[in-house]
Amino acid sequence: MSKPKKDIDVSIMERRAYDFLLRQQEAREWMEEMIQEPLKISSTADFVQGLRDGVYLCRLANVFAPGVVGKIYEQKTNSVLEFMSVNNIQNFLKALGKVEFRRLFWFEVTDLWEMKNVYKVVHCIHMLARYLTENFNTIKIRRLKAFNFSQEEINKTKKLIQDLNEMEMAIPEDSNQTAGGADDTASDPSTETDPLSEPDFDDLADPDKCHISGDGCKTAIAGVKAKFFIRARDVDGNDIKQGGEKFTVVLFHAEKEGTKIVADVLDKKDGQYEVTYTPEAGGEYSMEVKLIDEENKENDTDEPEVFLLKGCPMKVTVESSAESDPSKATFDGMGINSAVAGVESTFQITTFDAYGNQGRGGEKVTAVLRREGMADVDASCLDHSNGVYTASYVCPSAGEYELHAFLNGKPMGTHKRVTVKDAGVSTPANCEINFDNKFTDQKAEPRPSSKSKQRTNMET
């Protein structure tokens, strides 16, 4: 036999009350551990009521954001004046901003002071606990599977839920309410919208949970389109299966002030976002990936919240293009203008890509010296694996030579004229001796006989 509808309603309301009491108890225990003192609140059912003056919230703020709150207006008589309580609550919210806690999870002052949305207050404390644990390694909130609440606490919470339901169901006169009043199903606890039910954050990206992957988030090549992906994830770290989020990606050059790259972000409509960019200047970049949260905008003039994704800014290294531009190569060293015959001469060639980034090395660099009527003089080129090459050559004789350099078979600029000078030191084997007889008008003496053993020595 099925239960009467009244009994079903009671069981549903009691379950809701019990579940909400569990969440309040979890929040209470976490706060007590954080501030290292018990909360002087009579029962768990009065937990939110006990936070209305903002005193315990400010003490909590002093733990995770020291120095933000300043003076705490504490109860000295029977109560704290309203403006003092509001000031305390506002200071707590200011502390949330100091640690960059996402505004989506904040409650409003009226949610607490006027008890308009007590669930939002409790939920904020839960989300704050998780945020501080993950980002600042604070005490972890303990989840309770069961707790022994008194029937009085359950009844009190049931009454709170009923009162909030009535507030939620209050329909303005200019609404679409029918002449017969509210829909009959509104009074059914199993079908009505429960203001204490947890908001649906499953479809909202959490900047601390979103995941960045792909080669383009670490390295890129000048002139080549880089790509990586952003995977949107909710507050529980679950993949979001649809699009709609707004991300921005900007890369800032570490050394060249004012040089930045604004990447393109494509919504794939499945929770993934494809990011592409084409860098030109090589070097180190600092990449910022941000989530633009427009959920809390009340009107179009409000500025959206902006959250930096966890792990950002990220370091991205942009390498020069694999192939250098022959027209941008530079030459340096004495060997490009002059040399000495028979002596090794050197010069340096530095390669650059089309965007002016110094080459990586590994390319085919050759050089040759040419002189009309003589064999070419090939230079040997040493690759330093950083775009710099040292060329060395030896010209056999003095004269005017033309220096030609090639990168991957293509000429690097115009040829250069090299003057090769004589070393100034004669080679004995190449010397000639010519005699000039000063006594040609004298009568020649007869040549001595070979038997006379007469010798003439001459040194040059």
Protein backbone atom coordinates (compact mmCIF):
# COMPACT_ATOMS: atom_id res chain seq x y z
CA MET A 1 0.00 0.00 0.00
CA SER A 2 1.43 3.37 -1.04
CA LYS A 3 1.93 6.16 1.45
CA PRO A 4 -0.54 9.04 1.56
CA LYS A 5 0.63 12.18 -0.27
CA LYS A 6 0.98 14.05 3.03
CA ASP A 7 3.42 11.45 4.37
CA ILE A 8 5.45 11.62 1.13
CA ASP A 9 5.65 15.40 1.41
CA VAL A 10 6.88 15.14 4.98
CA SER A 11 9.58 12.60 4.13
CA ILE A 12 10.84 14.75 1.22
CA MET A 13 10.99 17.86 3.36
CA GLU A 14 12.76 16.03 6.16
CA ARG A 15 15.34 14.65 3.75
CA ARG A 16 16.00 18.12 2.37
CA ALA A 17 16.33 19.50 5.86
CA TYR A 18 18.71 16.73 6.89
CA ASP A 19 20.90 17.16 3.79
CA PHE A 20 21.15 20.91 4.30
CA LEU A 21 22.00 20.42 7.97
CA LEU A 22 24.84 18.10 6.93
CA ARG A 23 26.28 20.79 4.67
CA GLN A 24 26.03 23.39 7.43
CA GLN A 25 27.73 21.06 9.89
CA GLU A 26 30.57 20.45 7.41
CA ALA A 27 31.03 24.19 6.93
CA ARG A 28 30.91 24.78 10.68
CA GLU A 29 33.58 22.18 11.47
CA TRP A 30 35.85 23.51 8.72
CA MET A 31 35.55 27.09 9.97
CA GLU A 32 36.31 25.98 13.54
CA GLU A 33 39.46 24.22 12.36
CA MET A 34 40.53 27.21 10.32
CA ILE A 35 40.09 29.84 13.05
CA GLN A 36 41.14 27.43 15.83
CA GLU A 37 38.15 28.14 18.05
CA PRO A 38 34.60 26.76 18.46
CA LEU A 39 31.75 28.76 16.99
CA LYS A 40 29.47 29.91 19.76
CA ILE A 41 26.34 28.98 17.86
CA SER A 42 23.69 27.03 19.75
CA SER A 43 22.87 24.50 17.04
CA THR A 44 23.67 23.63 13.44
CA ALA A 45 20.21 24.80 12.44
CA ASP A 46 21.27 28.29 13.58
CA PHE A 47 24.62 28.17 11.76
CA VAL A 48 23.84 30.83 9.13
CA GLN A 49 22.01 32.96 11.71
CA GLY A 50 25.19 32.85 13.79
CA LEU A 51 27.19 34.26 10.86
CA ARG A 52 24.92 37.27 10.30
CA ASP A 53 27.05 39.69 12.29
CA GLY A 54 30.06 38.81 10.11
CA VAL A 55 32.40 38.37 13.08
CA TYR A 56 33.30 34.72 12.45
CA LEU A 57 33.60 35.41 8.73
CA CYS A 58 36.11 38.19 9.41
CA ARG A 59 38.12 35.90 11.69
CA LEU A 60 38.15 33.36 8.88
CA ALA A 61 39.28 36.04 6.44
CA ASN A 62 42.17 36.93 8.74
CA VAL A 63 43.42 33.36 8.28
CA PHE A 64 43.42 33.15 4.48
CA ALA A 65 43.86 36.88 3.68
CA PRO A 66 45.69 38.56 6.59
CA GLY A 67 45.54 42.34 6.73
CA VAL A 68 42.50 42.79 4.50
CA VAL A 69 39.73 43.00 7.10
CA GLY A 70 41.18 45.54 9.51
CA LYS A 71 38.85 46.26 12.42
CA ILE A 72 36.24 43.64 13.29
CA TYR A 73 33.06 45.01 14.85
CA GLU A 74 32.36 42.51 17.61
CA GLN A 75 29.32 42.09 19.82
CA LYS A 76 29.70 43.84 23.15
CA THR A 77 26.09 44.07 24.24
CA ASN A 78 23.15 42.06 23.04
CA SER A 79 23.70 42.71 19.36
CA VAL A 80 25.91 44.31 16.75
CA LEU A 81 24.41 47.28 14.96
CA GLU A 82 23.33 46.66 11.38
CA PHE A 83 25.93 48.94 9.78
CA MET A 84 28.66 47.17 11.78
CA SER A 85 27.49 43.73 10.65
CA VAL A 86 27.24 44.87 7.04
CA ASN A 87 30.76 46.29 7.29
CA ASN A 88 32.05 42.96 8.59
CA ILE A 89 30.36 41.05 5.76
CA GLN A 90 31.70 43.46 3.14
CA ASN A 91 35.21 43.05 4.52
CA PHE A 92 34.87 39.27 4.23
CA LEU A 93 33.82 39.64 0.59
CA LYS A 94 36.79 41.94 0.04
CA ALA A 95 39.04 39.17 1.36
CA LEU A 96 37.51 36.76 -1.18
CA GLY A 97 38.57 39.13 -3.92
CA LYS A 98 42.06 39.40 -2.47
CA VAL A 99 42.67 35.67 -2.97
CA GLU A 100 40.96 35.81 -6.41
CA PHE A 101 38.11 33.51 -5.39
CA ARG A 102 35.68 33.31 -8.26
CA ARG A 103 32.83 35.80 -7.89
CA LEU A 104 30.38 33.27 -9.27
CA PHE A 105 30.39 31.58 -5.86
CA TRP A 106 30.07 34.70 -3.72
CA PHE A 107 26.89 35.57 -1.82
CA GLU A 108 25.42 39.05 -1.54
CA VAL A 109 25.30 40.98 1.72
CA THR A 110 21.50 40.68 1.75
CA ASP A 111 21.73 36.89 1.24
CA LEU A 112 23.23 36.68 4.71
CA TRP A 113 22.08 39.76 6.63
CA GLU A 114 18.47 39.48 5.50
CA MET A 115 18.63 35.66 5.22
CA LYS A 116 17.43 35.86 1.62
CA ASN A 117 19.53 32.96 0.37
CA VAL A 118 21.08 30.98 3.19
CA TYR A 119 22.04 28.16 0.86
CA LYS A 120 24.21 30.48 -1.19
CA VAL A 121 26.04 31.45 2.00
CA VAL A 122 26.74 27.82 2.91
CA HIS A 123 27.65 26.92 -0.65
CA CYS A 124 30.10 29.84 -0.78
CA ILE A 125 31.88 28.53 2.32
CA HIS A 126 32.11 25.04 0.80
CA MET A 127 33.51 26.31 -2.47
CA LEU A 128 35.92 28.61 -0.64
CA ALA A 129 37.20 25.66 1.39
CA ARG A 130 37.89 23.67 -1.76
CA TYR A 131 39.51 26.67 -3.46
CA LEU A 132 41.85 27.39 -0.55
CA THR A 133 42.82 23.73 -0.23
CA GLU A 134 43.68 23.40 -3.90
CA ASN A 135 45.50 26.72 -4.24
CA PHE A 136 46.93 27.43 -0.80
CA ASN A 137 47.12 23.96 0.75
CA THR A 138 44.84 24.85 3.66
CA ILE A 139 42.74 22.50 5.81
CA LYS A 140 40.44 20.31 3.72
CA ILE A 141 36.72 20.40 4.41
CA ARG A 142 35.49 17.06 5.76
CA ARG A 143 32.49 15.45 4.10
CA LEU A 144 29.93 13.90 6.44
CA LYS A 145 27.84 10.90 5.50
CA ALA A 146 25.72 11.09 8.63
CA PHE A 147 25.26 13.17 11.78
CA ASN A 148 22.95 12.97 14.76
CA PHE A 149 20.70 16.02 14.51
CA SER A 150 17.86 16.59 16.95
CA GLN A 151 14.29 16.57 15.74
CA GLU A 152 14.11 20.20 16.78
CA GLU A 153 16.97 21.07 14.38
CA ILE A 154 15.31 19.15 11.55
CA ASN A 155 11.93 20.82 12.17
CA LYS A 156 13.56 24.26 12.33
CA THR A 157 15.34 23.68 9.01
CA LYS A 158 12.14 22.36 7.43
CA LYS A 159 10.43 25.60 8.42
CA LEU A 160 13.31 27.58 6.89
CA ILE A 161 12.97 25.68 3.60
CA GLN A 162 9.19 26.23 3.53
CA ASP A 163 9.61 29.95 4.15
CA LEU A 164 12.16 30.23 1.35
CA ASN A 165 9.91 28.25 -0.98
CA GLU A 166 7.09 30.72 -0.31
CA MET A 167 9.42 33.62 -1.04
CA GLU A 168 10.47 31.98 -4.29
CA MET A 169 6.85 31.37 -5.31
CA ALA A 170 5.71 34.92 -4.64
CA ILE A 171 4.58 36.10 -8.11
CA PRO A 172 4.52 39.81 -9.01
CA GLU A 173 1.20 41.31 -10.10
CA ASP A 174 2.51 42.06 -13.58
CA SER A 175 3.55 38.46 -14.18
CA ASN A 176 1.83 35.87 -16.31
CA GLN A 177 -0.06 34.40 -13.32
CA THR A 178 -3.45 33.06 -14.29
CA ALA A 179 -6.66 34.24 -12.69
CA GLY A 180 -6.75 31.06 -10.69
CA GLY A 181 -3.49 31.89 -8.91
CA ALA A 182 -0.31 29.91 -8.84
CA ASP A 183 0.04 26.55 -10.53
CA ASP A 184 -1.27 23.79 -8.28
CA THR A 185 1.96 21.86 -8.66
CA ALA A 186 3.86 24.70 -6.96
CA SER A 187 2.73 23.45 -3.58
CA ASP A 188 4.09 19.99 -4.25
CA PRO A 189 7.55 19.69 -2.65
CA SER A 190 8.47 16.99 -5.13
CA THR A 191 7.98 19.29 -8.14
CA GLU A 192 8.60 22.83 -6.91
CA THR A 193 11.92 24.63 -7.38
CA ASP A 194 13.89 24.31 -4.20
CA PRO A 195 15.90 27.44 -3.39
CA LEU A 196 18.17 25.28 -1.26
CA SER A 197 19.02 22.92 -4.09
CA GLU A 198 22.58 23.22 -5.29
CA PRO A 199 22.97 25.53 -8.30
CA ASP A 200 23.79 23.75 -11.52
CA PHE A 201 27.47 24.54 -12.09
CA ASP A 202 27.98 21.50 -14.31
CA ASP A 203 27.83 23.67 -17.43
CA LEU A 204 30.14 26.41 -16.13
CA ALA A 205 33.90 26.25 -16.66
CA ASP A 206 36.13 26.55 -13.62
CA PRO A 207 39.44 28.33 -14.38
CA ASP A 208 41.24 26.14 -11.85
CA LYS A 209 40.03 22.93 -13.52
CA CYS A 210 40.29 23.73 -17.23
CA HIS A 211 43.08 21.86 -19.00
CA ILE A 212 45.53 23.15 -21.62
CA SER A 213 47.25 20.67 -23.93
CA GLY A 214 49.15 20.54 -27.21
CA ASP A 215 52.59 21.46 -28.53
CA GLY A 216 51.58 25.06 -29.19
CA CYS A 217 51.27 25.83 -25.48
CA LYS A 218 55.00 25.16 -25.03
CA THR A 219 56.86 25.67 -28.32
CA ALA A 220 56.32 27.26 -31.71
CA ILE A 221 58.26 28.10 -34.87
CA ALA A 222 58.43 31.57 -36.42
CA GLY A 223 56.15 31.80 -39.42
CA VAL A 224 54.43 28.49 -38.71
CA LYS A 225 50.89 28.30 -37.27
CA ALA A 226 50.97 26.86 -33.75
CA LYS A 227 48.00 25.09 -32.20
CA PHE A 228 46.83 23.82 -28.82
CA PHE A 229 43.54 23.07 -27.07
CA ILE A 230 41.67 24.23 -23.99
CA ARG A 231 39.41 21.62 -22.39
CA ALA A 232 36.64 23.27 -20.35
CA ARG A 233 35.97 21.51 -17.04
CA ASP A 234 33.50 22.23 -14.26
CA VAL A 235 34.16 22.80 -10.60
CA ASP A 236 34.40 19.05 -9.99
CA GLY A 237 36.95 18.58 -12.76
CA ASN A 238 34.47 16.91 -15.13
CA ASP A 239 34.69 17.60 -18.85
CA ILE A 240 32.03 19.99 -20.12
CA LYS A 241 30.38 18.57 -23.22
CA GLN A 242 29.13 21.76 -24.86
CA GLY A 243 30.61 25.11 -25.85
CA GLY A 244 29.64 28.65 -24.94
CA GLU A 245 32.56 29.68 -22.76
CA LYS A 246 34.74 32.64 -23.70
CA PHE A 247 38.53 32.30 -23.52
CA THR A 248 41.23 34.77 -24.51
CA VAL A 249 44.88 33.91 -25.20
CA VAL A 250 47.67 36.51 -25.38
CA LEU A 251 51.43 35.90 -25.61
CA PHE A 252 53.83 38.62 -24.39
CA HIS A 253 57.48 38.66 -25.53
CA ALA A 254 59.82 38.44 -22.55
CA GLU A 255 62.45 40.83 -23.94
CA LYS A 256 60.75 42.93 -26.60
CA GLU A 257 58.39 45.25 -24.76
CA GLY A 258 55.19 45.86 -26.66
CA THR A 259 55.54 42.71 -28.75
CA LYS A 260 52.53 40.48 -28.19
CA ILE A 261 50.45 37.92 -30.06
CA VAL A 262 46.67 37.72 -29.72
CA ALA A 263 45.69 34.14 -30.55
CA ASP A 264 42.49 33.00 -32.25
CA VAL A 265 40.18 30.82 -30.13
CA LEU A 266 37.67 28.58 -31.92
CA ASP A 267 34.77 27.10 -29.95
CA LYS A 268 34.45 23.46 -31.10
CA LYS A 269 31.00 23.29 -29.44
CA ASP A 270 31.95 20.15 -27.51
CA GLY A 271 33.77 21.68 -24.54
CA GLN A 272 37.03 21.98 -26.46
CA TYR A 273 38.49 25.23 -27.75
CA GLU A 274 41.13 25.28 -30.48
CA VAL A 275 43.76 27.99 -30.10
CA THR A 276 45.95 29.03 -33.05
CA TYR A 277 48.57 31.73 -33.53
CA THR A 278 51.46 32.44 -35.92
CA PRO A 279 54.49 34.01 -34.22
CA GLU A 280 57.18 35.99 -36.03
CA ALA A 281 59.65 37.21 -33.42
CA GLY A 282 61.58 34.36 -31.83
CA GLY A 283 62.44 34.06 -28.14
CA GLU A 284 60.65 33.45 -24.86
CA TYR A 285 57.01 34.44 -24.39
CA SER A 286 54.72 34.60 -21.37
CA MET A 287 51.29 33.25 -22.34
CA GLU A 288 48.12 34.20 -20.47
CA VAL A 289 44.99 32.12 -20.98
CA LYS A 290 41.93 33.75 -19.42
CA LEU A 291 38.32 32.75 -18.88
CA ILE A 292 35.87 35.60 -19.34
CA ASP A 293 32.98 35.06 -16.94
CA GLU A 294 29.88 37.00 -17.90
CA GLU A 295 27.49 34.98 -15.70
CA ASN A 296 27.33 37.65 -12.98
CA LYS A 297 26.78 40.64 -15.25
CA GLU A 298 23.54 42.31 -14.30
CA ASN A 299 23.50 44.52 -17.41
CA ASP A 300 25.51 45.13 -20.56
CA THR A 301 27.49 47.97 -19.01
CA ASP A 302 28.99 45.80 -16.27
CA GLU A 303 32.52 44.55 -16.73
CA PRO A 304 32.77 40.74 -16.84
CA GLU A 305 35.00 38.87 -14.43
CA VAL A 306 38.30 37.71 -15.86
CA PHE A 307 40.11 34.65 -14.48
CA LEU A 308 43.59 33.46 -15.32
CA LEU A 309 43.60 29.70 -15.86
CA LYS A 310 45.57 27.67 -13.37
CA GLY A 311 49.18 27.23 -14.44
CA CYS A 312 49.26 30.55 -16.28
CA PRO A 313 51.19 32.50 -17.31
CA MET A 314 52.89 29.71 -19.26
CA LYS A 315 56.35 29.86 -20.83
CA VAL A 316 56.35 29.44 -24.62
CA THR A 317 59.57 29.23 -26.65
CA VAL A 318 59.43 30.39 -30.27
CA GLU A 319 62.28 29.10 -32.42
CA SER A 320 63.48 30.69 -35.63
CA SER A 321 62.39 29.22 -38.92
CA ALA A 322 64.20 26.04 -39.97
CA GLU A 323 65.22 27.69 -43.26
CA SER A 324 67.09 30.99 -43.23
CA ASP A 325 66.72 33.79 -45.78
CA PRO A 326 69.91 34.15 -47.89
CA SER A 327 69.30 37.87 -48.41
CA LYS A 328 69.44 38.56 -44.66
CA ALA A 329 72.82 36.93 -43.93
CA THR A 330 75.60 39.10 -42.48
CA PHE A 331 79.40 38.84 -42.81
CA ASP A 332 82.04 39.85 -40.29
CA GLY A 333 85.81 39.49 -39.96
CA MET A 334 89.03 40.55 -41.70
CA GLY A 335 88.81 37.67 -44.15
CA ILE A 336 85.94 39.25 -46.10
CA ASN A 337 88.13 42.18 -47.22
CA SER A 338 91.78 41.19 -47.13
CA ALA A 339 94.12 38.24 -46.73
CA VAL A 340 97.77 37.29 -47.01
CA ALA A 341 98.93 34.81 -49.57
CA GLY A 342 99.74 31.45 -48.08
CA VAL A 343 98.23 32.37 -44.69
CA GLU A 344 94.86 31.11 -43.44
CA SER A 345 92.18 33.81 -43.23
CA THR A 346 88.78 33.58 -41.56
CA PHE A 347 85.44 35.38 -41.41
CA GLN A 348 81.99 34.72 -39.93
CA ILE A 349 78.61 34.31 -41.62
CA THR A 350 75.45 34.77 -39.52
CA THR A 351 72.16 33.60 -40.97
CA PHE A 352 68.66 34.94 -40.23
CA ASP A 353 65.17 33.79 -41.16
CA ALA A 354 62.61 35.89 -43.03
CA TYR A 355 61.49 37.52 -39.75
CA GLY A 356 64.97 38.57 -38.63
CA ASN A 357 65.50 35.75 -36.12
CA GLN A 358 69.00 34.31 -35.99
CA GLY A 359 69.16 30.90 -37.64
CA ARG A 360 69.42 27.59 -35.84
CA GLY A 361 72.31 26.10 -37.84
CA GLY A 362 72.32 22.83 -39.71
CA GLU A 363 72.03 24.47 -43.11
CA LYS A 364 74.40 24.08 -46.07
CA VAL A 365 76.74 27.10 -46.12
CA THR A 366 79.56 27.27 -48.71
CA ALA A 367 82.03 29.95 -49.79
CA VAL A 368 84.54 30.21 -52.67
CA LEU A 369 87.17 32.78 -53.79
CA ARG A 370 87.65 33.27 -57.52
CA ARG A 371 90.40 34.91 -59.57
CA GLU A 372 90.60 35.03 -63.31
CA GLY A 373 93.05 32.58 -64.72
CA MET A 374 93.42 30.66 -61.47
CA ALA A 375 91.69 27.71 -59.83
CA ASP A 376 88.86 28.46 -57.35
CA VAL A 377 89.79 28.56 -53.68
CA ASP A 378 87.13 26.76 -51.62
CA ALA A 379 86.60 27.87 -48.03
CA SER A 380 85.76 25.39 -45.28
CA CYS A 381 82.72 26.38 -43.19
CA LEU A 382 82.33 25.36 -39.52
CA ASP A 383 78.71 25.19 -38.26
CA HIS A 384 78.31 26.43 -34.66
CA SER A 385 74.68 25.17 -34.57
CA ASN A 386 73.29 28.62 -33.76
CA GLY A 387 73.14 30.27 -37.15
CA VAL A 388 76.81 31.29 -37.04
CA TYR A 389 79.38 29.74 -39.41
CA THR A 390 83.15 30.30 -39.42
CA ALA A 391 84.70 30.19 -42.91
CA SER A 392 88.45 29.74 -43.44
CA TYR A 393 90.55 29.72 -46.61
CA VAL A 394 94.14 30.02 -47.90
CA CYS A 395 94.90 31.85 -51.15
CA PRO A 396 98.14 30.62 -52.81
CA SER A 397 99.15 33.93 -54.36
CA ALA A 398 98.57 37.65 -54.08
CA GLY A 399 95.98 39.44 -56.15
CA GLU A 400 92.34 40.51 -56.32
CA TYR A 401 89.75 37.81 -55.59
CA GLU A 402 85.96 37.71 -55.54
CA LEU A 403 84.30 36.06 -52.52
CA HIS A 404 81.01 34.26 -53.19
CA ALA A 405 78.92 32.70 -50.36
CA PHE A 406 75.91 30.40 -50.71
CA LEU A 407 73.12 29.26 -48.38
CA ASN A 408 71.48 26.02 -49.43
CA GLY A 409 72.79 26.68 -52.94
CA LYS A 410 71.42 30.24 -53.13
CA PRO A 411 73.79 33.25 -53.15
CA MET A 412 73.98 35.27 -49.95
CA GLY A 413 73.95 38.86 -51.16
CA THR A 414 76.42 40.20 -53.74
CA HIS A 415 80.00 38.97 -54.06
CA LYS A 416 82.74 40.74 -52.12
CA ARG A 417 86.18 41.81 -53.30
CA VAL A 418 89.10 40.42 -51.28
CA THR A 419 92.62 41.81 -51.67
CA VAL A 420 95.29 39.18 -51.08
CA LYS A 421 98.70 40.67 -50.35
CA ASP A 422 102.20 39.21 -50.68
CA ALA A 423 103.52 37.80 -47.45
CA GLY A 424 106.85 39.76 -47.83
CA VAL A 425 108.98 36.62 -47.41
CA SER A 426 110.54 34.99 -50.49
CA THR A 427 110.57 31.27 -51.10
CA PRO A 428 114.17 30.10 -51.84
CA ALA A 429 113.09 27.47 -54.30
CA ASN A 430 111.34 30.11 -56.40
CA CYS A 431 114.23 32.64 -56.52
CA GLU A 432 116.24 33.38 -59.77
CA ILE A 433 119.91 34.47 -60.00
CA ASN A 434 121.12 36.72 -62.87
CA PHE A 435 124.87 37.55 -63.33
CA ASP A 436 126.18 40.90 -64.59
CA ASN A 437 129.88 40.67 -65.75
CA LYS A 438 131.61 44.01 -65.03
CA PHE A 439 134.78 43.02 -66.81
CA THR A 440 133.48 42.27 -70.27
CA ASP A 441 136.12 44.55 -71.88
CA GLN A 442 139.05 42.70 -70.33
CA LYS A 443 140.76 39.81 -71.87
CA ALA A 444 139.42 36.63 -70.62
CA GLU A 445 141.76 34.51 -68.64
CA PRO A 446 142.10 30.91 -69.64
CA ARG A 447 139.88 28.56 -67.62
CA PRO A 448 141.82 26.63 -65.05
CA SER A 449 142.40 23.02 -65.67
CA SER A 450 140.18 20.65 -63.80
CA LYS A 451 143.33 19.18 -62.46
CA SER A 452 144.24 22.40 -60.64
CA LYS A 453 141.51 21.79 -58.05
CA GLN A 454 140.57 25.55 -57.98
CA ARG A 455 136.99 26.31 -56.70
CA THR A 456 134.80 29.42 -56.61
CA ASN A 457 132.10 29.65 -53.90
CA MET A 458 129.15 32.07 -54.05
CA GLU A 459 126.35 32.49 -51.51
CA THR A 460 123.11 34.32 -52.12
